[in-house]
Amino acid sequence: MALQVGDIVEGKVTGIKPFGAFVSLPEGKTGLVHISEVSYEFVQDLSAVLSDGQTVSVKVLSIAPDGKIALSIKRTQPAPERAPRQPHGERSGNGGERRPAPR
Protein backbone atom coordinates (compact mmCIF):
# COMPACT_ATOMS: atom_id res chain seq x y z
CA MET A 1 0.00 0.00 0.00
CA ALA A 2 1.58 3.27 -1.13
CA LEU A 3 1.26 6.33 1.08
CA GLN A 4 -1.10 8.99 -0.20
CA VAL A 5 -1.81 12.56 0.86
CA GLY A 6 -4.53 12.51 3.51
CA ASP A 7 -3.60 9.07 4.90
CA ILE A 8 -3.38 8.73 8.67
CA VAL A 9 -0.79 6.17 9.75
CA GLU A 10 1.24 5.24 12.80
CA GLY A 11 4.96 5.81 12.92
CA LYS A 12 7.87 6.02 15.35
CA VAL A 13 9.79 9.16 16.19
CA THR A 14 13.37 8.53 15.06
CA GLY A 15 14.90 11.96 15.59
CA ILE A 16 14.12 15.32 17.11
CA LYS A 17 15.59 18.57 15.80
CA PRO A 18 14.79 22.19 16.74
CA PHE A 19 12.61 22.54 13.60
CA GLY A 20 10.70 19.25 13.77
CA ALA A 21 10.66 15.50 14.32
CA PHE A 22 11.52 12.70 11.91
CA VAL A 23 9.05 9.82 11.91
CA SER A 24 9.63 6.34 10.52
CA LEU A 25 6.63 5.26 8.45
CA PRO A 26 5.42 1.96 6.98
CA GLU A 27 7.32 0.65 3.93
CA GLY A 28 10.62 1.98 5.28
CA LYS A 29 9.82 5.61 4.50
CA THR A 30 10.58 8.59 6.73
CA GLY A 31 8.70 11.87 7.01
CA LEU A 32 9.06 15.14 8.87
CA VAL A 33 6.58 16.68 11.30
CA HIS A 34 7.39 20.40 11.34
CA ILE A 35 7.29 21.92 14.84
CA SER A 36 4.18 23.93 13.83
CA GLU A 37 2.34 20.67 13.04
CA VAL A 38 2.94 18.95 16.39
CA SER A 39 0.23 20.61 18.48
CA TYR A 40 -2.49 23.25 18.28
CA GLU A 41 -0.72 24.90 21.21
CA PHE A 42 2.62 26.69 20.85
CA VAL A 43 5.58 24.31 21.18
CA GLN A 44 8.93 25.84 22.08
CA ASP A 45 10.88 22.65 22.81
CA LEU A 46 9.95 19.50 20.89
CA SER A 47 11.77 17.23 23.30
CA ALA A 48 9.28 18.35 25.99
CA VAL A 49 6.42 16.97 23.85
CA LEU A 50 7.96 14.06 21.89
CA SER A 51 10.66 11.49 22.56
CA ASP A 52 12.75 9.15 20.42
CA GLY A 53 10.99 5.83 19.90
CA GLN A 54 7.54 7.24 20.71
CA THR A 55 4.72 5.90 18.53
CA VAL A 56 2.63 8.69 17.01
CA SER A 57 -0.35 8.95 14.69
CA VAL A 58 0.42 11.23 11.73
CA LYS A 59 -1.43 12.59 8.72
CA VAL A 60 0.36 12.80 5.37
CA LEU A 61 0.21 16.45 4.26
CA SER A 62 2.30 16.24 1.11
CA ILE A 63 4.69 14.05 -0.80
CA ALA A 64 7.24 16.00 -2.86
CA PRO A 65 8.53 14.71 -6.20
CA ASP A 66 11.92 14.11 -4.54
CA GLY A 67 10.22 11.82 -1.99
CA LYS A 68 10.15 14.17 1.02
CA ILE A 69 7.05 13.54 3.10
CA ALA A 70 5.44 16.30 5.21
CA LEU A 71 3.46 15.04 8.19
CA SER A 72 1.18 16.46 10.88
CA ILE A 73 0.37 15.14 14.34
CA LYS A 74 -2.09 17.91 15.25
CA ARG A 75 -4.30 17.29 12.21
CA THR A 76 -5.06 13.79 13.45
CA GLN A 77 -6.90 15.38 16.39
CA PRO A 78 -9.96 17.62 16.47
CA ALA A 79 -9.17 21.33 16.57
CA PRO A 80 -9.86 22.96 19.93
CA GLU A 81 -12.86 25.26 20.07
CA ARG A 82 -11.95 28.91 20.00
CA ALA A 83 -13.53 31.32 22.44
CA PRO A 84 -15.85 33.81 20.74
CA ARG A 85 -14.30 37.20 20.13
CA GLN A 86 -15.23 40.00 22.47
CA PRO A 87 -16.45 43.25 20.92
CA HIS A 88 -13.83 45.98 21.08
CA GLY A 89 -16.15 48.71 22.35
CA GLU A 90 -14.94 52.28 22.59
CA ARG A 91 -11.29 52.81 21.88
CA SER A 92 -9.33 55.17 24.01
CA GLY A 93 -6.84 57.59 22.60
CA ASN A 94 -7.23 60.04 19.77
CA GLY A 95 -10.52 58.69 18.40
CA GLY A 96 -8.90 57.06 15.41
CA GLU A 97 -7.51 60.29 14.01
CA ARG A 98 -4.12 60.02 12.39
CA ARG A 99 -1.59 62.57 13.42
CA PRO A 100 1.55 63.34 11.49
CA ALA A 101 4.71 61.87 12.95
CA PRO A 102 6.78 64.30 15.02
CA ARG A 103 9.72 65.78 13.17
PDB file of N, CA and C in Angstrom:
ATOM      1  N   MET A   1       0.845  -1.183   0.000  1.00  0.00           N
ATOM      2  CA  MET A   1       0.000   0.000   0.000  1.00  0.00           C
ATOM      3  C   MET A   1       0.892   1.248   0.000  1.00  0.00           C
ATOM      4  N   ALA A   2       0.784   2.048  -1.029  1.00  0.00           N
ATOM      5  CA  ALA A   2       1.582   3.271  -1.126  1.00  0.00           C
ATOM      6  C   ALA A   2       0.932   4.383  -0.312  1.00  0.00           C
ATOM      7  N   LEU A   3       1.774   5.189   0.317  1.00  0.00           N
ATOM      8  CA  LEU A   3       1.261   6.328   1.082  1.00  0.00           C
ATOM      9  C   LEU A   3       0.650   7.348   0.133  1.00  0.00           C
ATOM     10  N   GLN A   4      -0.456   7.947   0.586  1.00  0.00           N
ATOM     11  CA  GLN A   4      -1.103   8.993  -0.196  1.00  0.00           C
ATOM     12  C   GLN A   4      -1.402  10.180   0.707  1.00  0.00           C
ATOM     13  N   VAL A   5      -1.462  11.357   0.111  1.00  0.00           N
ATOM     14  CA  VAL A   5      -1.813  12.559   0.862  1.00  0.00           C
ATOM     15  C   VAL A   5      -3.181  12.348   1.501  1.00  0.00           C
ATOM     16  N   GLY A   6      -3.281  12.673   2.779  1.00  0.00           N
ATOM     17  CA  GLY A   6      -4.532  12.506   3.512  1.00  0.00           C
ATOM     18  C   GLY A   6      -4.560  11.254   4.370  1.00  0.00           C
ATOM     19  N   ASP A   7      -3.655  10.291   4.096  1.00  0.00           N
ATOM     20  CA  ASP A   7      -3.601   9.068   4.904  1.00  0.00           C
ATOM     21  C   ASP A   7      -3.209   9.388   6.338  1.00  0.00           C
ATOM     22  N   ILE A   8      -3.788   8.651   7.271  1.00  0.00           N
ATOM     23  CA  ILE A   8      -3.380   8.730   8.673  1.00  0.00           C
ATOM     24  C   ILE A   8      -2.780   7.379   9.027  1.00  0.00           C
ATOM     25  N   VAL A   9      -1.516   7.400   9.441  1.00  0.00           N
ATOM     26  CA  VAL A   9      -0.790   6.167   9.746  1.00  0.00           C
ATOM     27  C   VAL A   9      -0.048   6.320  11.068  1.00  0.00           C
ATOM     28  N   GLU A  10       0.417   5.200  11.604  1.00  0.00           N
ATOM     29  CA  GLU A  10       1.241   5.235  12.803  1.00  0.00           C
ATOM     30  C   GLU A  10       2.700   5.144  12.414  1.00  0.00           C
ATOM     31  N   GLY A  11       3.524   5.849  13.161  1.00  0.00           N
ATOM     32  CA  GLY A  11       4.958   5.813  12.924  1.00  0.00           C
ATOM     33  C   GLY A  11       5.699   5.996  14.232  1.00  0.00           C
ATOM     34  N   LYS A  12       7.031   5.857  14.153  1.00  0.00           N
ATOM     35  CA  LYS A  12       7.868   6.025  15.350  1.00  0.00           C
ATOM     36  C   LYS A  12       8.783   7.212  15.163  1.00  0.00           C
ATOM     37  N   VAL A  13       8.877   8.027  16.209  1.00  0.00           N
ATOM     38  CA  VAL A  13       9.787   9.164  16.187  1.00  0.00           C
ATOM     39  C   VAL A  13      11.215   8.616  16.178  1.00  0.00           C
ATOM     40  N   THR A  14      11.993   9.025  15.174  1.00  0.00           N
ATOM     41  CA  THR A  14      13.368   8.531  15.060  1.00  0.00           C
ATOM     42  C   THR A  14      14.398   9.624  15.297  1.00  0.00           C
ATOM     43  N   GLY A  15      13.970  10.867  15.339  1.00  0.00           N
ATOM     44  CA  GLY A  15      14.901  11.959  15.592  1.00  0.00           C
ATOM     45  C   GLY A  15      14.166  13.249  15.859  1.00  0.00           C
ATOM     46  N   ILE A  16      14.733  14.038  16.756  1.00  0.00           N
ATOM     47  CA  ILE A  16      14.124  15.324  17.108  1.00  0.00           C
ATOM     48  C   ILE A  16      15.152  16.422  16.867  1.00  0.00           C
ATOM     49  N   LYS A  17      14.754  17.408  16.100  1.00  0.00           N
ATOM     50  CA  LYS A  17      15.594  18.573  15.795  1.00  0.00           C
ATOM     51  C   LYS A  17      14.831  19.819  16.246  1.00  0.00           C
ATOM     52  N   PRO A  18      15.494  20.972  16.316  1.00  0.00           N
ATOM     53  CA  PRO A  18      14.791  22.194  16.737  1.00  0.00           C
ATOM     54  C   PRO A  18      13.609  22.556  15.834  1.00  0.00           C
ATOM     55  N   PHE A  19      13.646  22.153  14.565  1.00  0.00           N
ATOM     56  CA  PHE A  19      12.607  22.536  13.604  1.00  0.00           C
ATOM     57  C   PHE A  19      11.509  21.495  13.444  1.00  0.00           C
ATOM     58  N   GLY A  20      11.709  20.276  13.947  1.00  0.00           N
ATOM     59  CA  GLY A  20      10.696  19.247  13.768  1.00  0.00           C
ATOM     60  C   GLY A  20      11.186  17.870  14.179  1.00  0.00           C
ATOM     61  N   ALA A  21      10.333  16.874  13.943  1.00  0.00           N
ATOM     62  CA  ALA A  21      10.661  15.502  14.322  1.00  0.00           C
ATOM     63  C   ALA A  21      10.565  14.599  13.097  1.00  0.00           C
ATOM     64  N   PHE A  22      11.544  13.693  12.972  1.00  0.00           N
ATOM     65  CA  PHE A  22      11.519  12.705  11.905  1.00  0.00           C
ATOM     66  C   PHE A  22      10.760  11.488  12.400  1.00  0.00           C
ATOM     67  N   VAL A  23       9.903  10.947  11.542  1.00  0.00           N
ATOM     68  CA  VAL A  23       9.051   9.825  11.906  1.00  0.00           C
ATOM     69  C   VAL A  23       9.234   8.717  10.879  1.00  0.00           C
ATOM     70  N   SER A  24       9.523   7.516  11.372  1.00  0.00           N
ATOM     71  CA  SER A  24       9.633   6.337  10.521  1.00  0.00           C
ATOM     72  C   SER A  24       8.226   5.840  10.211  1.00  0.00           C
ATOM     73  N   LEU A  25       7.959   5.646   8.910  1.00  0.00           N
ATOM     74  CA  LEU A  25       6.631   5.262   8.445  1.00  0.00           C
ATOM     75  C   LEU A  25       6.654   3.836   7.891  1.00  0.00           C
ATOM     76  N   PRO A  26       5.467   3.273   7.615  1.00  0.00           N
ATOM     77  CA  PRO A  26       5.423   1.959   6.978  1.00  0.00           C
ATOM     78  C   PRO A  26       6.181   1.979   5.644  1.00  0.00           C
ATOM     79  N   GLU A  27       6.591   0.824   5.192  1.00  0.00           N
ATOM     80  CA  GLU A  27       7.318   0.652   3.929  1.00  0.00           C
ATOM     81  C   GLU A  27       8.705   1.269   3.962  1.00  0.00           C
ATOM     82  N   GLY A  28       9.261   1.473   5.160  1.00  0.00           N
ATOM     83  CA  GLY A  28      10.620   1.977   5.278  1.00  0.00           C
ATOM     84  C   GLY A  28      10.802   3.441   4.934  1.00  0.00           C
ATOM     85  N   LYS A  29       9.730   4.180   4.828  1.00  0.00           N
ATOM     86  CA  LYS A  29       9.817   5.605   4.496  1.00  0.00           C
ATOM     87  C   LYS A  29       9.954   6.431   5.771  1.00  0.00           C
ATOM     88  N   THR A  30      10.440   7.657   5.612  1.00  0.00           N
ATOM     89  CA  THR A  30      10.579   8.585   6.725  1.00  0.00           C
ATOM     90  C   THR A  30       9.980   9.924   6.323  1.00  0.00           C
ATOM     91  N   GLY A  31       9.286  10.562   7.264  1.00  0.00           N
ATOM     92  CA  GLY A  31       8.701  11.866   7.010  1.00  0.00           C
ATOM     93  C   GLY A  31       9.064  12.829   8.117  1.00  0.00           C
ATOM     94  N   LEU A  32       8.751  14.091   7.905  1.00  0.00           N
ATOM     95  CA  LEU A  32       9.059  15.136   8.875  1.00  0.00           C
ATOM     96  C   LEU A  32       7.774  15.792   9.364  1.00  0.00           C
ATOM     97  N   VAL A  33       7.651  15.900  10.686  1.00  0.00           N
ATOM     98  CA  VAL A  33       6.582  16.682  11.304  1.00  0.00           C
ATOM     99  C   VAL A  33       7.210  18.005  11.707  1.00  0.00           C
ATOM    100  N   HIS A  34       6.864  19.083  10.994  1.00  0.00           N
ATOM    101  CA  HIS A  34       7.391  20.405  11.342  1.00  0.00           C
ATOM    102  C   HIS A  34       6.878  20.778  12.726  1.00  0.00           C
ATOM    103  N   ILE A  35       7.655  21.546  13.467  1.00  0.00           N
ATOM    104  CA  ILE A  35       7.285  21.925  14.838  1.00  0.00           C
ATOM    105  C   ILE A  35       5.902  22.573  14.897  1.00  0.00           C
ATOM    106  N   SER A  36       5.493  23.278  13.847  1.00  0.00           N
ATOM    107  CA  SER A  36       4.179  23.925  13.831  1.00  0.00           C
ATOM    108  C   SER A  36       3.041  22.935  13.635  1.00  0.00           C
ATOM    109  N   GLU A  37       3.367  21.691  13.270  1.00  0.00           N
ATOM    110  CA  GLU A  37       2.343  20.670  13.040  1.00  0.00           C
ATOM    111  C   GLU A  37       2.271  19.639  14.160  1.00  0.00           C
ATOM    112  N   VAL A  38       2.939  19.907  15.279  1.00  0.00           N
ATOM    113  CA  VAL A  38       2.939  18.955  16.392  1.00  0.00           C
ATOM    114  C   VAL A  38       1.704  19.115  17.268  1.00  0.00           C
ATOM    115  N   SER A  39       1.325  20.353  17.545  1.00  0.00           N
ATOM    116  CA  SER A  39       0.230  20.611  18.476  1.00  0.00           C
ATOM    117  C   SER A  39      -0.484  21.897  18.092  1.00  0.00           C
ATOM    118  N   TYR A  40      -1.757  22.005  18.500  1.00  0.00           N
ATOM    119  CA  TYR A  40      -2.489  23.250  18.282  1.00  0.00           C
ATOM    120  C   TYR A  40      -1.994  24.339  19.225  1.00  0.00           C
ATOM    121  N   GLU A  41      -1.298  23.933  20.283  1.00  0.00           N
ATOM    122  CA  GLU A  41      -0.721  24.896  21.210  1.00  0.00           C
ATOM    123  C   GLU A  41       0.717  25.179  20.795  1.00  0.00           C
ATOM    124  N   PHE A  42       1.248  26.325  21.192  1.00  0.00           N
ATOM    125  CA  PHE A  42       2.621  26.691  20.854  1.00  0.00           C
ATOM    126  C   PHE A  42       3.597  25.708  21.489  1.00  0.00           C
ATOM    127  N   VAL A  43       4.539  25.225  20.684  1.00  0.00           N
ATOM    128  CA  VAL A  43       5.577  24.313  21.178  1.00  0.00           C
ATOM    129  C   VAL A  43       6.925  24.997  21.017  1.00  0.00           C
ATOM    130  N   GLN A  44       7.604  25.212  22.128  1.00  0.00           N
ATOM    131  CA  GLN A  44       8.929  25.838  22.082  1.00  0.00           C
ATOM    132  C   GLN A  44      10.013  24.776  21.984  1.00  0.00           C
ATOM    133  N   ASP A  45       9.855  23.692  22.742  1.00  0.00           N
ATOM    134  CA  ASP A  45      10.877  22.648  22.809  1.00  0.00           C
ATOM    135  C   ASP A  45      10.223  21.308  22.474  1.00  0.00           C
ATOM    136  N   LEU A  46      10.558  20.760  21.314  1.00  0.00           N
ATOM    137  CA  LEU A  46       9.948  19.497  20.887  1.00  0.00           C
ATOM    138  C   LEU A  46      10.234  18.348  21.833  1.00  0.00           C
ATOM    139  N   SER A  47      11.422  18.347  22.420  1.00  0.00           N
ATOM    140  CA  SER A  47      11.769  17.235  23.305  1.00  0.00           C
ATOM    141  C   SER A  47      10.917  17.226  24.579  1.00  0.00           C
ATOM    142  N   ALA A  48      10.199  18.310  24.852  1.00  0.00           N
ATOM    143  CA  ALA A  48       9.281  18.345  25.993  1.00  0.00           C
ATOM    144  C   ALA A  48       7.949  17.684  25.629  1.00  0.00           C
ATOM    145  N   VAL A  49       7.695  17.503  24.313  1.00  0.00           N
ATOM    146  CA  VAL A  49       6.418  16.966  23.846  1.00  0.00           C
ATOM    147  C   VAL A  49       6.580  15.566  23.246  1.00  0.00           C
ATOM    148  N   LEU A  50       7.708  15.344  22.554  1.00  0.00           N
ATOM    149  CA  LEU A  50       7.963  14.062  21.888  1.00  0.00           C
ATOM    150  C   LEU A  50       9.275  13.463  22.376  1.00  0.00           C
ATOM    151  N   SER A  51       9.403  12.146  22.202  1.00  0.00           N
ATOM    152  CA  SER A  51      10.658  11.491  22.556  1.00  0.00           C
ATOM    153  C   SER A  51      11.005  10.442  21.507  1.00  0.00           C
ATOM    154  N   ASP A  52      12.290  10.169  21.356  1.00  0.00           N
ATOM    155  CA  ASP A  52      12.747   9.145  20.417  1.00  0.00           C
ATOM    156  C   ASP A  52      12.087   7.815  20.741  1.00  0.00           C
ATOM    157  N   GLY A  53      11.610   7.129  19.719  1.00  0.00           N
ATOM    158  CA  GLY A  53      10.986   5.827  19.904  1.00  0.00           C
ATOM    159  C   GLY A  53       9.499   5.889  20.182  1.00  0.00           C
ATOM    160  N   GLN A  54       8.964   7.087  20.415  1.00  0.00           N
ATOM    161  CA  GLN A  54       7.537   7.242  20.706  1.00  0.00           C
ATOM    162  C   GLN A  54       6.721   6.930  19.450  1.00  0.00           C
ATOM    163  N   THR A  55       5.630   6.182  19.630  1.00  0.00           N
ATOM    164  CA  THR A  55       4.715   5.900  18.529  1.00  0.00           C
ATOM    165  C   THR A  55       3.705   7.042  18.431  1.00  0.00           C
ATOM    166  N   VAL A  56       3.543   7.565  17.219  1.00  0.00           N
ATOM    167  CA  VAL A  56       2.627   8.688  17.006  1.00  0.00           C
ATOM    168  C   VAL A  56       1.742   8.413  15.801  1.00  0.00           C
ATOM    169  N   SER A  57       0.565   9.004  15.817  1.00  0.00           N
ATOM    170  CA  SER A  57      -0.346   8.945  14.690  1.00  0.00           C
ATOM    171  C   SER A  57      -0.119  10.215  13.884  1.00  0.00           C
ATOM    172  N   VAL A  58       0.123  10.076  12.572  1.00  0.00           N
ATOM    173  CA  VAL A  58       0.420  11.230  11.730  1.00  0.00           C
ATOM    174  C   VAL A  58      -0.447  11.234  10.484  1.00  0.00           C
ATOM    175  N   LYS A  59      -0.697  12.435   9.975  1.00  0.00           N
ATOM    176  CA  LYS A  59      -1.429  12.593   8.718  1.00  0.00           C
ATOM    177  C   LYS A  59      -0.438  13.041   7.651  1.00  0.00           C
ATOM    178  N   VAL A  60      -0.515  12.430   6.484  1.00  0.00           N
ATOM    179  CA  VAL A  60       0.361  12.796   5.371  1.00  0.00           C
ATOM    180  C   VAL A  60      -0.176  14.083   4.744  1.00  0.00           C
ATOM    181  N   LEU A  61       0.626  15.162   4.814  1.00  0.00           N
ATOM    182  CA  LEU A  61       0.213  16.452   4.263  1.00  0.00           C
ATOM    183  C   LEU A  61       0.620  16.592   2.804  1.00  0.00           C
ATOM    184  N   SER A  62       1.825  16.150   2.495  1.00  0.00           N
ATOM    185  CA  SER A  62       2.297  16.244   1.112  1.00  0.00           C
ATOM    186  C   SER A  62       3.434  15.266   0.884  1.00  0.00           C
ATOM    187  N   ILE A  63       3.576  14.887  -0.376  1.00  0.00           N
ATOM    188  CA  ILE A  63       4.691  14.052  -0.801  1.00  0.00           C
ATOM    189  C   ILE A  63       5.326  14.753  -1.993  1.00  0.00           C
ATOM    190  N   ALA A  64       6.550  15.250  -1.809  1.00  0.00           N
ATOM    191  CA  ALA A  64       7.238  16.001  -2.855  1.00  0.00           C
ATOM    192  C   ALA A  64       7.761  15.045  -3.923  1.00  0.00           C
ATOM    193  N   PRO A  65       7.992  15.560  -5.132  1.00  0.00           N
ATOM    194  CA  PRO A  65       8.533  14.709  -6.200  1.00  0.00           C
ATOM    195  C   PRO A  65       9.858  14.042  -5.820  1.00  0.00           C
ATOM    196  N   ASP A  66      10.643  14.704  -4.958  1.00  0.00           N
ATOM    197  CA  ASP A  66      11.917  14.115  -4.543  1.00  0.00           C
ATOM    198  C   ASP A  66      11.749  13.104  -3.411  1.00  0.00           C
ATOM    199  N   GLY A  67      10.489  12.840  -3.003  1.00  0.00           N
ATOM    200  CA  GLY A  67      10.220  11.822  -1.993  1.00  0.00           C
ATOM    201  C   GLY A  67      10.080  12.331  -0.569  1.00  0.00           C
ATOM    202  N   LYS A  68      10.298  13.628  -0.340  1.00  0.00           N
ATOM    203  CA  LYS A  68      10.149  14.173   1.018  1.00  0.00           C
ATOM    204  C   LYS A  68       8.677  14.159   1.405  1.00  0.00           C
ATOM    205  N   ILE A  69       8.418  13.694   2.622  1.00  0.00           N
ATOM    206  CA  ILE A  69       7.045  13.544   3.097  1.00  0.00           C
ATOM    207  C   ILE A  69       6.811  14.495   4.272  1.00  0.00           C
ATOM    208  N   ALA A  70       5.819  15.374   4.136  1.00  0.00           N
ATOM    209  CA  ALA A  70       5.442  16.300   5.207  1.00  0.00           C
ATOM    210  C   ALA A  70       4.288  15.685   5.988  1.00  0.00           C
ATOM    211  N   LEU A  71       4.432  15.689   7.313  1.00  0.00           N
ATOM    212  CA  LEU A  71       3.460  15.045   8.193  1.00  0.00           C
ATOM    213  C   LEU A  71       2.907  16.033   9.208  1.00  0.00           C
ATOM    214  N   SER A  72       1.765  15.664   9.802  1.00  0.00           N
ATOM    215  CA  SER A  72       1.175  16.455  10.881  1.00  0.00           C
ATOM    216  C   SER A  72       0.649  15.526  11.965  1.00  0.00           C
ATOM    217  N   ILE A  73       0.958  15.861  13.196  1.00  0.00           N
ATOM    218  CA  ILE A  73       0.369  15.145  14.335  1.00  0.00           C
ATOM    219  C   ILE A  73      -0.933  15.837  14.735  1.00  0.00           C
ATOM    220  N   LYS A  74      -0.919  17.178  14.759  1.00  0.00           N
ATOM    221  CA  LYS A  74      -2.089  17.908  15.255  1.00  0.00           C
ATOM    222  C   LYS A  74      -3.326  17.695  14.380  1.00  0.00           C
ATOM    223  N   ARG A  75      -3.141  17.455  13.097  1.00  0.00           N
ATOM    224  CA  ARG A  75      -4.296  17.293  12.207  1.00  0.00           C
ATOM    225  C   ARG A  75      -4.938  15.914  12.310  1.00  0.00           C
ATOM    226  N   THR A  76      -4.403  15.068  13.175  1.00  0.00           N
ATOM    227  CA  THR A  76      -5.062  13.790  13.449  1.00  0.00           C
ATOM    228  C   THR A  76      -6.025  13.930  14.616  1.00  0.00           C
ATOM    229  N   GLN A  77      -6.058  15.121  15.219  1.00  0.00           N
ATOM    230  CA  GLN A  77      -6.898  15.381  16.390  1.00  0.00           C
ATOM    231  C   GLN A  77      -7.872  16.500  16.061  1.00  0.00           C
ATOM    232  N   PRO A  78      -9.023  16.515  16.723  1.00  0.00           N
ATOM    233  CA  PRO A  78      -9.963  17.617  16.468  1.00  0.00           C
ATOM    234  C   PRO A  78      -9.377  18.947  16.942  1.00  0.00           C
ATOM    235  N   ALA A  79      -9.650  19.996  16.194  1.00  0.00           N
ATOM    236  CA  ALA A  79      -9.169  21.327  16.570  1.00  0.00           C
ATOM    237  C   ALA A  79      -9.902  21.791  17.822  1.00  0.00           C
ATOM    238  N   PRO A  80      -9.187  22.446  18.737  1.00  0.00           N
ATOM    239  CA  PRO A  80      -9.864  22.956  19.932  1.00  0.00           C
ATOM    240  C   PRO A  80     -10.824  24.070  19.560  1.00  0.00           C
ATOM    241  N   GLU A  81     -11.906  24.182  20.328  1.00  0.00           N
ATOM    242  CA  GLU A  81     -12.860  25.262  20.070  1.00  0.00           C
ATOM    243  C   GLU A  81     -12.251  26.578  20.500  1.00  0.00           C
ATOM    244  N   ARG A  82     -12.470  27.590  19.675  1.00  0.00           N
ATOM    245  CA  ARG A  82     -11.951  28.913  20.004  1.00  0.00           C
ATOM    246  C   ARG A  82     -13.022  29.694  20.746  1.00  0.00           C
ATOM    247  N   ALA A  83     -12.592  30.471  21.708  1.00  0.00           N
ATOM    248  CA  ALA A  83     -13.530  31.319  22.438  1.00  0.00           C
ATOM    249  C   ALA A  83     -14.044  32.400  21.501  1.00  0.00           C
ATOM    250  N   PRO A  84     -15.329  32.751  21.607  1.00  0.00           N
ATOM    251  CA  PRO A  84     -15.850  33.810  20.745  1.00  0.00           C
ATOM    252  C   PRO A  84     -15.136  35.128  21.020  1.00  0.00           C
ATOM    253  N   ARG A  85     -14.981  35.909  19.971  1.00  0.00           N
ATOM    254  CA  ARG A  85     -14.304  37.200  20.134  1.00  0.00           C
ATOM    255  C   ARG A  85     -15.177  38.179  20.899  1.00  0.00           C
ATOM    256  N   GLN A  86     -14.530  38.966  21.719  1.00  0.00           N
ATOM    257  CA  GLN A  86     -15.227  39.998  22.472  1.00  0.00           C
ATOM    258  C   GLN A  86     -15.286  41.264  21.631  1.00  0.00           C
ATOM    259  N   PRO A  87     -16.406  41.983  21.655  1.00  0.00           N
ATOM    260  CA  PRO A  87     -16.453  43.249  20.916  1.00  0.00           C
ATOM    261  C   PRO A  87     -15.435  44.226  21.496  1.00  0.00           C
ATOM    262  N   HIS A  88     -14.881  45.057  20.638  1.00  0.00           N
ATOM    263  CA  HIS A  88     -13.833  45.982  21.082  1.00  0.00           C
ATOM    264  C   HIS A  88     -14.381  47.144  21.894  1.00  0.00           C
ATOM    265  N   GLY A  89     -15.592  47.582  21.604  1.00  0.00           N
ATOM    266  CA  GLY A  89     -16.153  48.712  22.346  1.00  0.00           C
ATOM    267  C   GLY A  89     -15.455  50.005  21.973  1.00  0.00           C
ATOM    268  N   GLU A  90     -15.556  50.972  22.852  1.00  0.00           N
ATOM    269  CA  GLU A  90     -14.939  52.277  22.593  1.00  0.00           C
ATOM    270  C   GLU A  90     -13.430  52.168  22.735  1.00  0.00           C
ATOM    271  N   ARG A  91     -12.744  52.770  21.806  1.00  0.00           N
ATOM    272  CA  ARG A  91     -11.292  52.807  21.885  1.00  0.00           C
ATOM    273  C   ARG A  91     -10.860  54.087  22.569  1.00  0.00           C
ATOM    274  N   SER A  92      -9.849  53.966  23.369  1.00  0.00           N
ATOM    275  CA  SER A  92      -9.326  55.166  24.008  1.00  0.00           C
ATOM    276  C   SER A  92      -8.273  55.780  23.098  1.00  0.00           C
ATOM    277  N   GLY A  93      -7.889  56.959  23.395  1.00  0.00           N
ATOM    278  CA  GLY A  93      -6.838  57.587  22.601  1.00  0.00           C
ATOM    279  C   GLY A  93      -7.375  58.762  21.811  1.00  0.00           C
ATOM    280  N   ASN A  94      -6.918  58.866  20.568  1.00  0.00           N
ATOM    281  CA  ASN A  94      -7.231  60.036  19.768  1.00  0.00           C
ATOM    282  C   ASN A  94      -8.464  59.845  18.887  1.00  0.00           C
ATOM    283  N   GLY A  95      -9.283  58.861  19.153  1.00  0.00           N
ATOM    284  CA  GLY A  95     -10.516  58.687  18.403  1.00  0.00           C
ATOM    285  C   GLY A  95     -10.305  58.192  16.985  1.00  0.00           C
ATOM    286  N   GLY A  96      -9.172  57.608  16.720  1.00  0.00           N
ATOM    287  CA  GLY A  96      -8.902  57.059  15.406  1.00  0.00           C
ATOM    288  C   GLY A  96      -8.307  58.055  14.431  1.00  0.00           C
ATOM    289  N   GLU A  97      -8.101  59.298  14.900  1.00  0.00           N
ATOM    290  CA  GLU A  97      -7.505  60.294  14.014  1.00  0.00           C
ATOM    291  C   GLU A  97      -6.016  59.998  13.866  1.00  0.00           C
ATOM    292  N   ARG A  98      -5.548  60.201  12.634  1.00  0.00           N
ATOM    293  CA  ARG A  98      -4.123  60.016  12.390  1.00  0.00           C
ATOM    294  C   ARG A  98      -3.428  61.353  12.544  1.00  0.00           C
ATOM    295  N   ARG A  99      -2.373  61.343  13.255  1.00  0.00           N
ATOM    296  CA  ARG A  99      -1.591  62.565  13.421  1.00  0.00           C
ATOM    297  C   ARG A  99      -0.266  62.390  12.695  1.00  0.00           C
ATOM    298  N   PRO A 100       0.256  63.468  12.139  1.00  0.00           N
ATOM    299  CA  PRO A 100       1.549  63.335  11.487  1.00  0.00           C
ATOM    300  C   PRO A 100       2.632  62.993  12.509  1.00  0.00           C
ATOM    301  N   ALA A 101       3.609  62.255  12.054  1.00  0.00           N
ATOM    302  CA  ALA A 101       4.710  61.874  12.950  1.00  0.00           C
ATOM    303  C   ALA A 101       5.494  63.116  13.352  1.00  0.00           C
ATOM    304  N   PRO A 102       5.974  63.141  14.601  1.00  0.00           N
ATOM    305  CA  PRO A 102       6.778  64.301  15.019  1.00  0.00           C
ATOM    306  C   PRO A 102       8.068  64.387  14.201  1.00  0.00           C
ATOM    307  N   ARG A 103       8.508  65.610  13.989  1.00  0.00           N
ATOM    308  CA  ARG A 103       9.721  65.783  13.169  1.00  0.00           C
ATOM    309  C   ARG A 103      10.904  66.090  14.002  1.00  0.00           C
TER     310      ARG A 103
END
